[in-house]
Amino acid sequence: MTTMLRPAPPGAIPEPGLAKKPGRRTRRVLGYLALGAAAVAVLLPFYWMIMSSLKTNNDVFTIPVQWLPADPVWSNYADIWRKSEMSTWLGNTVLLSAAVTLLQVFTGSFAAYGFAKVRFPGRDVLFLAYIGTLAVPWQSYMIPQFIVMSKLELTDTLWSIIALQAFGPLGVFLMKQFYETVPDELIDAARIDGMSEYGIYRRIMLPLSVPALASLTLITLVTTWNDYLGPLLYLRSPDLWTIQLGLKSFINQYNAEYALIMTGSVLSVLPIVVIFLAGQRYFVEGIATTGLKG
């Protein structure tokens, strides 16, 4: 037995979902197109850099642009290691990035636990004063800082960069925002069971804050890897140069070797891109959860 569909009576109001569905779909398609265009605009320079690293010097700036080299020159990646101290520069950069990242993650998460879950007089004022240092540009106090490092005889050593960047207010802010999403009842129950504050931090807070820790790790790692001004001030010996200083000296020495310059740029960017893509899921999740509260 079939059921006949009756037409809607004159003047009937259509269902809201049916009226809004075509418009909503159109907006979604336009949004995807806009995001795709933005992604292409962001990724296009990186694609051109990679393709230029596989060209000869004469083909890098040809008009019209060759987006795909006809005969890739893979030997550029061997020549850059032979003509420069790429292994030394990358080794110093990896060492500094790893040391600074580990220290900032530890100090930032540990201090954030105190500000978020430990009650002591002047806690909020101290936190605001510490976070307020984010508004002070480093250029305004880098000269007094350099004088202090000189008196401590830490200039021209990797220890100067590690000591200066071992603490960061941004990490404390991010981790505190995440710790505030952890219920206080969980912390109080651990204290009633006799667990110390250090035990709560190590056994409860750290396992729960993996996404936030991953976000802080990626942010610190990228910032330290791309730092140029700090190593420029404190690292004078060529055997202590990072990849940023090394590439600058290489450009000055081989300013006509455009393909090799692009090859060095690819090698300097590639490790950090791989690390970011590997931890992208945790990074997005950590950034999203640090904006929530309680």
C-alpha atoms as a PDB file:
ATOM      1  CA  MET A   1       0.000   0.000   0.000  1.00  0.00           C
ATOM      2  CA  THR A   2       1.558   3.244  -1.085  1.00  0.00           C
ATOM      3  CA  THR A   3       1.247   6.542   0.668  1.00  0.00           C
ATOM      4  CA  MET A   4       0.523   9.594  -1.429  1.00  0.00           C
ATOM      5  CA  LEU A   5       2.510  12.711  -0.541  1.00  0.00           C
ATOM      6  CA  ARG A   6       0.260  15.673  -0.245  1.00  0.00           C
ATOM      7  CA  PRO A   7       1.538  19.027  -1.487  1.00  0.00           C
ATOM      8  CA  ALA A   8       2.100  21.684   1.121  1.00  0.00           C
ATOM      9  CA  PRO A   9      -0.814  24.016   1.528  1.00  0.00           C
ATOM     10  CA  PRO A  10      -0.452  27.563   0.231  1.00  0.00           C
ATOM     11  CA  GLY A  11       1.353  29.852   2.640  1.00  0.00           C
ATOM     12  CA  ALA A  12       3.024  27.011   4.550  1.00  0.00           C
ATOM     13  CA  ILE A  13       6.480  27.802   5.972  1.00  0.00           C
ATOM     14  CA  PRO A  14       9.197  25.365   4.799  1.00  0.00           C
ATOM     15  CA  GLU A  15      11.321  23.603   7.378  1.00  0.00           C
ATOM     16  CA  PRO A  16      14.344  25.686   8.460  1.00  0.00           C
ATOM     17  CA  GLY A  17      16.842  22.911   7.706  1.00  0.00           C
ATOM     18  CA  LEU A  18      15.701  22.578   4.102  1.00  0.00           C
ATOM     19  CA  ALA A  19      15.937  26.321   3.476  1.00  0.00           C
ATOM     20  CA  LYS A  20      19.374  26.758   5.007  1.00  0.00           C
ATOM     21  CA  LYS A  21      21.021  23.622   3.629  1.00  0.00           C
ATOM     22  CA  PRO A  22      21.920  24.951   0.123  1.00  0.00           C
ATOM     23  CA  GLY A  23      23.291  28.199   1.540  1.00  0.00           C
ATOM     24  CA  ARG A  24      25.262  26.394   4.202  1.00  0.00           C
ATOM     25  CA  ARG A  25      26.757  24.052   1.622  1.00  0.00           C
ATOM     26  CA  THR A  26      27.753  26.990  -0.567  1.00  0.00           C
ATOM     27  CA  ARG A  27      29.479  28.746   2.317  1.00  0.00           C
ATOM     28  CA  ARG A  28      31.317  25.552   3.196  1.00  0.00           C
ATOM     29  CA  VAL A  29      32.540  25.107  -0.379  1.00  0.00           C
ATOM     30  CA  LEU A  30      33.687  28.744  -0.519  1.00  0.00           C
ATOM     31  CA  GLY A  31      35.469  28.284   2.798  1.00  0.00           C
ATOM     32  CA  TYR A  32      37.303  25.218   1.527  1.00  0.00           C
ATOM     33  CA  LEU A  33      38.296  27.074  -1.632  1.00  0.00           C
ATOM     34  CA  ALA A  34      39.622  30.003   0.403  1.00  0.00           C
ATOM     35  CA  LEU A  35      41.599  27.651   2.667  1.00  0.00           C
ATOM     36  CA  GLY A  36      42.977  25.836  -0.362  1.00  0.00           C
ATOM     37  CA  ALA A  37      44.072  29.102  -1.978  1.00  0.00           C
ATOM     38  CA  ALA A  38      45.738  30.192   1.276  1.00  0.00           C
ATOM     39  CA  ALA A  39      47.521  26.838   1.567  1.00  0.00           C
ATOM     40  CA  VAL A  40      48.831  27.146  -1.987  1.00  0.00           C
ATOM     41  CA  ALA A  41      50.051  30.692  -1.327  1.00  0.00           C
ATOM     42  CA  VAL A  42      51.901  29.555   1.807  1.00  0.00           C
ATOM     43  CA  LEU A  43      53.404  26.390   0.331  1.00  0.00           C
ATOM     44  CA  LEU A  44      54.366  27.815  -3.064  1.00  0.00           C
ATOM     45  CA  PRO A  45      57.622  29.488  -1.882  1.00  0.00           C
ATOM     46  CA  PHE A  46      58.714  26.246  -0.200  1.00  0.00           C
ATOM     47  CA  TYR A  47      57.983  24.271  -3.351  1.00  0.00           C
ATOM     48  CA  TRP A  48      59.985  26.770  -5.418  1.00  0.00           C
ATOM     49  CA  MET A  49      62.879  26.516  -2.956  1.00  0.00           C
ATOM     50  CA  ILE A  50      62.922  22.709  -3.179  1.00  0.00           C
ATOM     51  CA  MET A  51      62.730  22.736  -6.965  1.00  0.00           C
ATOM     52  CA  SER A  52      65.461  25.393  -7.168  1.00  0.00           C
ATOM     53  CA  SER A  53      67.761  23.191  -5.113  1.00  0.00           C
ATOM     54  CA  LEU A  54      67.567  20.636  -7.956  1.00  0.00           C
ATOM     55  CA  LYS A  55      68.498  23.091 -10.709  1.00  0.00           C
ATOM     56  CA  THR A  56      71.695  24.605 -12.044  1.00  0.00           C
ATOM     57  CA  ASN A  57      72.583  28.185 -11.149  1.00  0.00           C
ATOM     58  CA  ASN A  58      71.452  29.488 -14.548  1.00  0.00           C
ATOM     59  CA  ASP A  59      68.038  27.852 -14.263  1.00  0.00           C
ATOM     60  CA  VAL A  60      67.070  29.175 -10.817  1.00  0.00           C
ATOM     61  CA  PHE A  61      65.869  32.611 -11.954  1.00  0.00           C
ATOM     62  CA  THR A  62      64.756  31.855 -15.487  1.00  0.00           C
ATOM     63  CA  ILE A  63      61.725  33.591 -16.982  1.00  0.00           C
ATOM     64  CA  PRO A  64      59.217  32.017 -17.248  1.00  0.00           C
ATOM     65  CA  VAL A  65      59.730  30.096 -14.034  1.00  0.00           C
ATOM     66  CA  GLN A  66      60.507  26.387 -14.362  1.00  0.00           C
ATOM     67  CA  TRP A  67      58.311  24.840 -11.694  1.00  0.00           C
ATOM     68  CA  LEU A  68      59.688  21.389 -12.405  1.00  0.00           C
ATOM     69  CA  PRO A  69      63.359  20.920 -13.405  1.00  0.00           C
ATOM     70  CA  ALA A  70      63.801  18.965 -16.616  1.00  0.00           C
ATOM     71  CA  ASP A  71      67.021  17.337 -15.392  1.00  0.00           C
ATOM     72  CA  PRO A  72      67.259  17.337 -11.564  1.00  0.00           C
ATOM     73  CA  VAL A  73      70.754  18.056 -10.255  1.00  0.00           C
ATOM     74  CA  TRP A  74      70.921  15.777  -7.212  1.00  0.00           C
ATOM     75  CA  SER A  75      74.650  16.446  -6.890  1.00  0.00           C
ATOM     76  CA  ASN A  76      73.838  19.794  -5.226  1.00  0.00           C
ATOM     77  CA  TYR A  77      73.081  17.934  -1.997  1.00  0.00           C
ATOM     78  CA  ALA A  78      76.530  16.345  -2.094  1.00  0.00           C
ATOM     79  CA  ASP A  79      78.296  19.580  -3.032  1.00  0.00           C
ATOM     80  CA  ILE A  80      76.808  21.533  -0.108  1.00  0.00           C
ATOM     81  CA  TRP A  81      78.384  19.105   2.365  1.00  0.00           C
ATOM     82  CA  ARG A  82      81.711  19.283   0.551  1.00  0.00           C
ATOM     83  CA  LYS A  83      81.880  23.083   0.241  1.00  0.00           C
ATOM     84  CA  SER A  84      80.600  23.985   3.711  1.00  0.00           C
ATOM     85  CA  GLU A  85      80.671  22.876   7.345  1.00  0.00           C
ATOM     86  CA  MET A  86      77.078  21.725   7.178  1.00  0.00           C
ATOM     87  CA  SER A  87      77.618  18.806   9.563  1.00  0.00           C
ATOM     88  CA  THR A  88      79.090  21.130  12.227  1.00  0.00           C
ATOM     89  CA  TRP A  89      76.320  23.682  11.835  1.00  0.00           C
ATOM     90  CA  LEU A  90      73.569  21.080  12.021  1.00  0.00           C
ATOM     91  CA  GLY A  91      75.216  19.357  14.990  1.00  0.00           C
ATOM     92  CA  ASN A  92      75.427  22.602  16.971  1.00  0.00           C
ATOM     93  CA  THR A  93      71.839  23.492  16.086  1.00  0.00           C
ATOM     94  CA  VAL A  94      70.527  20.074  17.116  1.00  0.00           C
ATOM     95  CA  LEU A  95      72.449  20.242  20.402  1.00  0.00           C
ATOM     96  CA  LEU A  96      71.214  23.727  21.263  1.00  0.00           C
ATOM     97  CA  SER A  97      67.628  23.022  20.203  1.00  0.00           C
ATOM     98  CA  ALA A  98      67.451  19.784  22.189  1.00  0.00           C
ATOM     99  CA  ALA A  99      69.010  21.265  25.338  1.00  0.00           C
ATOM    100  CA  VAL A 100      66.922  24.446  25.316  1.00  0.00           C
ATOM    101  CA  THR A 101      63.713  22.555  24.536  1.00  0.00           C
ATOM    102  CA  LEU A 102      64.211  20.037  27.343  1.00  0.00           C
ATOM    103  CA  LEU A 103      65.022  22.763  29.862  1.00  0.00           C
ATOM    104  CA  GLN A 104      62.132  25.006  28.854  1.00  0.00           C
ATOM    105  CA  VAL A 105      59.637  22.151  28.921  1.00  0.00           C
ATOM    106  CA  PHE A 106      60.823  21.107  32.380  1.00  0.00           C
ATOM    107  CA  THR A 107      61.057  24.587  33.921  1.00  0.00           C
ATOM    108  CA  GLY A 108      57.866  25.793  32.238  1.00  0.00           C
ATOM    109  CA  SER A 109      55.756  22.817  33.287  1.00  0.00           C
ATOM    110  CA  PHE A 110      57.203  22.753  36.810  1.00  0.00           C
ATOM    111  CA  ALA A 111      56.641  26.477  37.416  1.00  0.00           C
ATOM    112  CA  ALA A 112      53.181  26.286  35.854  1.00  0.00           C
ATOM    113  CA  TYR A 113      52.182  23.567  38.306  1.00  0.00           C
ATOM    114  CA  GLY A 114      53.136  25.847  41.184  1.00  0.00           C
ATOM    115  CA  PHE A 115      51.186  28.761  39.781  1.00  0.00           C
ATOM    116  CA  ALA A 116      48.124  26.642  38.962  1.00  0.00           C
ATOM    117  CA  LYS A 117      47.774  24.155  41.835  1.00  0.00           C
ATOM    118  CA  VAL A 118      49.883  25.372  44.770  1.00  0.00           C
ATOM    119  CA  ARG A 119      48.493  28.159  46.951  1.00  0.00           C
ATOM    120  CA  PHE A 120      51.003  30.615  48.376  1.00  0.00           C
ATOM    121  CA  PRO A 121      50.931  34.362  49.200  1.00  0.00           C
ATOM    122  CA  GLY A 122      51.443  36.632  46.188  1.00  0.00           C
ATOM    123  CA  ARG A 123      50.987  33.845  43.659  1.00  0.00           C
ATOM    124  CA  ASP A 124      48.799  35.786  41.231  1.00  0.00           C
ATOM    125  CA  VAL A 125      50.906  38.946  41.444  1.00  0.00           C
ATOM    126  CA  LEU A 126      54.108  37.004  40.813  1.00  0.00           C
ATOM    127  CA  PHE A 127      52.537  35.215  37.879  1.00  0.00           C
ATOM    128  CA  LEU A 128      51.324  38.450  36.286  1.00  0.00           C
ATOM    129  CA  ALA A 129      54.748  40.045  36.771  1.00  0.00           C
ATOM    130  CA  TYR A 130      56.476  37.064  35.180  1.00  0.00           C
ATOM    131  CA  ILE A 131      54.079  36.855  32.242  1.00  0.00           C
ATOM    132  CA  GLY A 132      54.407  40.622  31.809  1.00  0.00           C
ATOM    133  CA  THR A 133      57.973  40.085  30.634  1.00  0.00           C
ATOM    134  CA  LEU A 134      56.497  38.807  27.358  1.00  0.00           C
ATOM    135  CA  ALA A 135      55.678  42.426  26.522  1.00  0.00           C
ATOM    136  CA  VAL A 136      59.323  43.500  26.902  1.00  0.00           C
ATOM    137  CA  PRO A 137      61.291  43.058  23.659  1.00  0.00           C
ATOM    138  CA  TRP A 138      64.583  41.242  23.983  1.00  0.00           C
ATOM    139  CA  GLN A 139      66.395  44.037  22.133  1.00  0.00           C
ATOM    140  CA  SER A 140      65.750  46.382  25.059  1.00  0.00           C
ATOM    141  CA  TYR A 141      67.835  44.353  27.523  1.00  0.00           C
ATOM    142  CA  MET A 142      70.185  42.328  25.338  1.00  0.00           C
ATOM    143  CA  ILE A 143      73.144  44.658  26.040  1.00  0.00           C
ATOM    144  CA  PRO A 144      72.952  44.306  29.872  1.00  0.00           C
ATOM    145  CA  GLN A 145      72.436  40.597  29.348  1.00  0.00           C
ATOM    146  CA  PHE A 146      75.529  40.410  27.174  1.00  0.00           C
ATOM    147  CA  ILE A 147      77.539  42.242  29.836  1.00  0.00           C
ATOM    148  CA  VAL A 148      76.438  39.721  32.456  1.00  0.00           C
ATOM    149  CA  MET A 149      77.378  36.806  30.200  1.00  0.00           C
ATOM    150  CA  SER A 150      80.767  38.420  29.535  1.00  0.00           C
ATOM    151  CA  LYS A 151      81.501  38.800  33.238  1.00  0.00           C
ATOM    152  CA  LEU A 152      80.563  35.158  33.746  1.00  0.00           C
ATOM    153  CA  GLU A 153      82.902  34.244  30.859  1.00  0.00           C
ATOM    154  CA  LEU A 154      80.152  32.394  29.036  1.00  0.00           C
ATOM    155  CA  THR A 155      80.370  34.260  25.734  1.00  0.00           C
ATOM    156  CA  ASP A 156      81.548  32.320  22.706  1.00  0.00           C
ATOM    157  CA  THR A 157      80.222  29.110  24.258  1.00  0.00           C
ATOM    158  CA  LEU A 158      77.075  27.119  23.699  1.00  0.00           C
ATOM    159  CA  TRP A 159      76.359  27.471  27.422  1.00  0.00           C
ATOM    160  CA  SER A 160      75.482  31.133  26.926  1.00  0.00           C
ATOM    161  CA  ILE A 161      72.540  30.313  24.635  1.00  0.00           C
ATOM    162  CA  ILE A 162      71.420  27.432  26.850  1.00  0.00           C
ATOM    163  CA  ALA A 163      71.539  29.564  30.017  1.00  0.00           C
ATOM    164  CA  LEU A 164      69.642  32.461  28.443  1.00  0.00           C
ATOM    165  CA  GLN A 165      66.863  30.352  26.972  1.00  0.00           C
ATOM    166  CA  ALA A 166      66.434  27.741  29.708  1.00  0.00           C
ATOM    167  CA  PHE A 167      63.445  29.664  31.100  1.00  0.00           C
ATOM    168  CA  GLY A 168      60.532  31.094  29.146  1.00  0.00           C
ATOM    169  CA  PRO A 169      57.318  32.824  30.298  1.00  0.00           C
ATOM    170  CA  LEU A 170      55.381  31.586  27.266  1.00  0.00           C
ATOM    171  CA  GLY A 171      55.819  27.980  28.341  1.00  0.00           C
ATOM    172  CA  VAL A 172      54.669  28.797  31.865  1.00  0.00           C
ATOM    173  CA  PHE A 173      51.580  30.532  30.520  1.00  0.00           C
ATOM    174  CA  LEU A 174      50.640  27.672  28.171  1.00  0.00           C
ATOM    175  CA  MET A 175      51.145  24.969  30.775  1.00  0.00           C
ATOM    176  CA  LYS A 176      49.299  26.893  33.486  1.00  0.00           C
ATOM    177  CA  GLN A 177      46.290  27.270  31.218  1.00  0.00           C
ATOM    178  CA  PHE A 178      46.268  23.513  30.676  1.00  0.00           C
ATOM    179  CA  TYR A 179      46.802  22.623  34.337  1.00  0.00           C
ATOM    180  CA  GLU A 180      43.780  24.688  35.293  1.00  0.00           C
ATOM    181  CA  THR A 181      41.616  22.290  33.307  1.00  0.00           C
ATOM    182  CA  VAL A 182      42.626  19.446  35.669  1.00  0.00           C
ATOM    183  CA  PRO A 183      40.062  19.189  38.518  1.00  0.00           C
ATOM    184  CA  ASP A 184      41.340  20.325  41.909  1.00  0.00           C
ATOM    185  CA  GLU A 185      39.551  17.354  43.480  1.00  0.00           C
ATOM    186  CA  LEU A 186      42.031  15.021  41.785  1.00  0.00           C
ATOM    187  CA  ILE A 187      44.978  16.914  43.278  1.00  0.00           C
ATOM    188  CA  ASP A 188      43.368  17.090  46.724  1.00  0.00           C
ATOM    189  CA  ALA A 189      42.700  13.351  46.684  1.00  0.00           C
ATOM    190  CA  ALA A 190      46.356  12.690  45.892  1.00  0.00           C
ATOM    191  CA  ARG A 191      47.430  14.926  48.769  1.00  0.00           C
ATOM    192  CA  ILE A 192      45.076  13.124  51.158  1.00  0.00           C
ATOM    193  CA  ASP A 193      46.681   9.834  50.090  1.00  0.00           C
ATOM    194  CA  GLY A 194      50.042  11.253  51.190  1.00  0.00           C
ATOM    195  CA  MET A 195      51.544  12.038  47.791  1.00  0.00           C
ATOM    196  CA  SER A 196      54.018  14.930  47.757  1.00  0.00           C
ATOM    197  CA  GLU A 197      53.785  17.879  45.397  1.00  0.00           C
ATOM    198  CA  TYR A 198      56.689  16.491  43.386  1.00  0.00           C
ATOM    199  CA  GLY A 199      54.895  13.150  43.111  1.00  0.00           C
ATOM    200  CA  ILE A 200      51.684  14.830  41.983  1.00  0.00           C
ATOM    201  CA  TYR A 201      53.601  16.755  39.352  1.00  0.00           C
ATOM    202  CA  ARG A 202      55.448  13.682  38.076  1.00  0.00           C
ATOM    203  CA  ARG A 203      52.753  11.000  38.356  1.00  0.00           C
ATOM    204  CA  ILE A 204      49.557  12.911  37.684  1.00  0.00           C
ATOM    205  CA  MET A 205      50.137  16.233  35.956  1.00  0.00           C
ATOM    206  CA  LEU A 206      52.774  15.212  33.426  1.00  0.00           C
ATOM    207  CA  PRO A 207      50.888  12.136  32.105  1.00  0.00           C
ATOM    208  CA  LEU A 208      47.711  14.209  31.740  1.00  0.00           C
ATOM    209  CA  SER A 209      49.443  17.079  29.942  1.00  0.00           C
ATOM    210  CA  VAL A 210      51.038  15.242  27.009  1.00  0.00           C
ATOM    211  CA  PRO A 211      49.255  17.377  24.336  1.00  0.00           C
ATOM    212  CA  ALA A 212      50.273  20.630  26.052  1.00  0.00           C
ATOM    213  CA  LEU A 213      53.838  19.384  26.501  1.00  0.00           C
ATOM    214  CA  ALA A 214      53.968  18.460  22.810  1.00  0.00           C
ATOM    215  CA  SER A 215      52.766  21.949  21.842  1.00  0.00           C
ATOM    216  CA  LEU A 216      55.361  23.606  24.057  1.00  0.00           C
ATOM    217  CA  THR A 217      58.065  21.298  22.713  1.00  0.00           C
ATOM    218  CA  LEU A 218      57.281  22.151  19.092  1.00  0.00           C
ATOM    219  CA  ILE A 219      57.046  25.894  19.728  1.00  0.00           C
ATOM    220  CA  THR A 220      60.341  25.972  21.635  1.00  0.00           C
ATOM    221  CA  LEU A 221      62.110  23.720  19.152  1.00  0.00           C
ATOM    222  CA  VAL A 222      61.096  25.801  16.139  1.00  0.00           C
ATOM    223  CA  THR A 223      61.997  29.071  17.882  1.00  0.00           C
ATOM    224  CA  THR A 224      65.419  27.844  18.963  1.00  0.00           C
ATOM    225  CA  TRP A 225      66.182  26.236  15.604  1.00  0.00           C
ATOM    226  CA  ASN A 226      65.390  29.445  13.701  1.00  0.00           C
ATOM    227  CA  ASP A 227      67.090  31.801  16.161  1.00  0.00           C
ATOM    228  CA  TYR A 228      69.640  34.033  14.462  1.00  0.00           C
ATOM    229  CA  LEU A 229      70.278  37.098  16.619  1.00  0.00           C
ATOM    230  CA  GLY A 230      71.167  35.213  19.810  1.00  0.00           C
ATOM    231  CA  PRO A 231      73.866  33.007  18.233  1.00  0.00           C
ATOM    232  CA  LEU A 232      75.098  36.009  16.248  1.00  0.00           C
ATOM    233  CA  LEU A 233      75.835  37.896  19.487  1.00  0.00           C
ATOM    234  CA  TYR A 234      77.316  35.097  21.568  1.00  0.00           C
ATOM    235  CA  LEU A 235      78.883  32.584  19.162  1.00  0.00           C
ATOM    236  CA  ARG A 236      81.963  33.996  17.443  1.00  0.00           C
ATOM    237  CA  SER A 237      83.966  30.856  16.693  1.00  0.00           C
ATOM    238  CA  PRO A 238      83.057  29.185  13.366  1.00  0.00           C
ATOM    239  CA  ASP A 239      83.070  25.763  14.997  1.00  0.00           C
ATOM    240  CA  LEU A 240      80.192  26.912  17.267  1.00  0.00           C
ATOM    241  CA  TRP A 241      77.972  28.373  14.548  1.00  0.00           C
ATOM    242  CA  THR A 242      74.407  27.192  14.120  1.00  0.00           C
ATOM    243  CA  ILE A 243      72.764  26.480  10.785  1.00  0.00           C
ATOM    244  CA  GLN A 244      71.465  30.055  10.542  1.00  0.00           C
ATOM    245  CA  LEU A 245      74.895  31.634  11.034  1.00  0.00           C
ATOM    246  CA  GLY A 246      76.532  29.050   8.804  1.00  0.00           C
ATOM    247  CA  LEU A 247      74.138  29.693   5.932  1.00  0.00           C
ATOM    248  CA  LYS A 248      74.721  33.422   6.235  1.00  0.00           C
ATOM    249  CA  SER A 249      78.480  32.948   5.940  1.00  0.00           C
ATOM    250  CA  PHE A 250      77.963  30.509   3.059  1.00  0.00           C
ATOM    251  CA  ILE A 251      75.832  33.053   1.200  1.00  0.00           C
ATOM    252  CA  ASN A 252      78.529  35.688   1.665  1.00  0.00           C
ATOM    253  CA  GLN A 253      81.168  33.312   0.323  1.00  0.00           C
ATOM    254  CA  TYR A 254      79.143  31.739  -2.519  1.00  0.00           C
ATOM    255  CA  ASN A 255      76.745  34.542  -3.352  1.00  0.00           C
ATOM    256  CA  ALA A 256      76.495  33.430  -6.991  1.00  0.00           C
ATOM    257  CA  GLU A 257      75.819  29.755  -6.186  1.00  0.00           C
ATOM    258  CA  TYR A 258      72.047  30.147  -6.106  1.00  0.00           C
ATOM    259  CA  ALA A 259      71.283  26.440  -6.385  1.00  0.00           C
ATOM    260  CA  LEU A 260      73.593  25.579  -3.471  1.00  0.00           C
ATOM    261  CA  ILE A 261      72.070  28.365  -1.382  1.00  0.00           C
ATOM    262  CA  MET A 262      68.625  26.882  -1.983  1.00  0.00           C
ATOM    263  CA  THR A 263      69.991  23.443  -1.141  1.00  0.00           C
ATOM    264  CA  GLY A 264      71.316  24.699   2.179  1.00  0.00           C
ATOM    265  CA  SER A 265      67.989  26.361   2.902  1.00  0.00           C
ATOM    266  CA  VAL A 266      66.148  23.091   2.259  1.00  0.00           C
ATOM    267  CA  LEU A 267      68.485  21.227   4.620  1.00  0.00           C
ATOM    268  CA  SER A 268      67.932  23.844   7.308  1.00  0.00           C
ATOM    269  CA  VAL A 269      64.143  23.672   7.030  1.00  0.00           C
ATOM    270  CA  LEU A 270      63.630  19.959   6.387  1.00  0.00           C
ATOM    271  CA  PRO A 271      64.308  18.595   9.926  1.00  0.00           C
ATOM    272  CA  ILE A 272      61.961  21.014  11.624  1.00  0.00           C
ATOM    273  CA  VAL A 273      59.223  20.358   9.036  1.00  0.00           C
ATOM    274  CA  VAL A 274      59.480  16.608   9.608  1.00  0.00           C
ATOM    275  CA  ILE A 275      59.274  17.057  13.376  1.00  0.00           C
ATOM    276  CA  PHE A 276      56.292  19.388  13.082  1.00  0.00           C
ATOM    277  CA  LEU A 277      54.397  17.033  10.780  1.00  0.00           C
ATOM    278  CA  ALA A 278      55.097  14.116  13.126  1.00  0.00           C
ATOM    279  CA  GLY A 279      53.713  16.001  16.137  1.00  0.00           C
ATOM    280  CA  GLN A 280      51.027  18.031  14.406  1.00  0.00           C
ATOM    281  CA  ARG A 281      48.141  16.133  15.999  1.00  0.00           C
ATOM    282  CA  TYR A 282      49.456  16.720  19.518  1.00  0.00           C
ATOM    283  CA  PHE A 283      50.243  20.341  18.684  1.00  0.00           C
ATOM    284  CA  VAL A 284      46.707  21.125  17.543  1.00  0.00           C
ATOM    285  CA  GLU A 285      45.187  19.254  20.478  1.00  0.00           C
ATOM    286  CA  GLY A 286      47.472  21.020  22.952  1.00  0.00           C
ATOM    287  CA  ILE A 287      46.718  24.486  21.594  1.00  0.00           C
ATOM    288  CA  ALA A 288      42.982  23.747  21.707  1.00  0.00           C
ATOM    289  CA  THR A 289      43.024  22.455  25.276  1.00  0.00           C
ATOM    290  CA  THR A 290      45.186  25.268  26.684  1.00  0.00           C
ATOM    291  CA  GLY A 291      42.366  27.670  25.851  1.00  0.00           C
ATOM    292  CA  LEU A 292      39.888  25.771  28.039  1.00  0.00           C
ATOM    293  CA  LYS A 293      39.428  26.307  31.728  1.00  0.00           C
ATOM    294  CA  GLY A 294      37.963  24.112  34.368  1.00  0.00           C
END
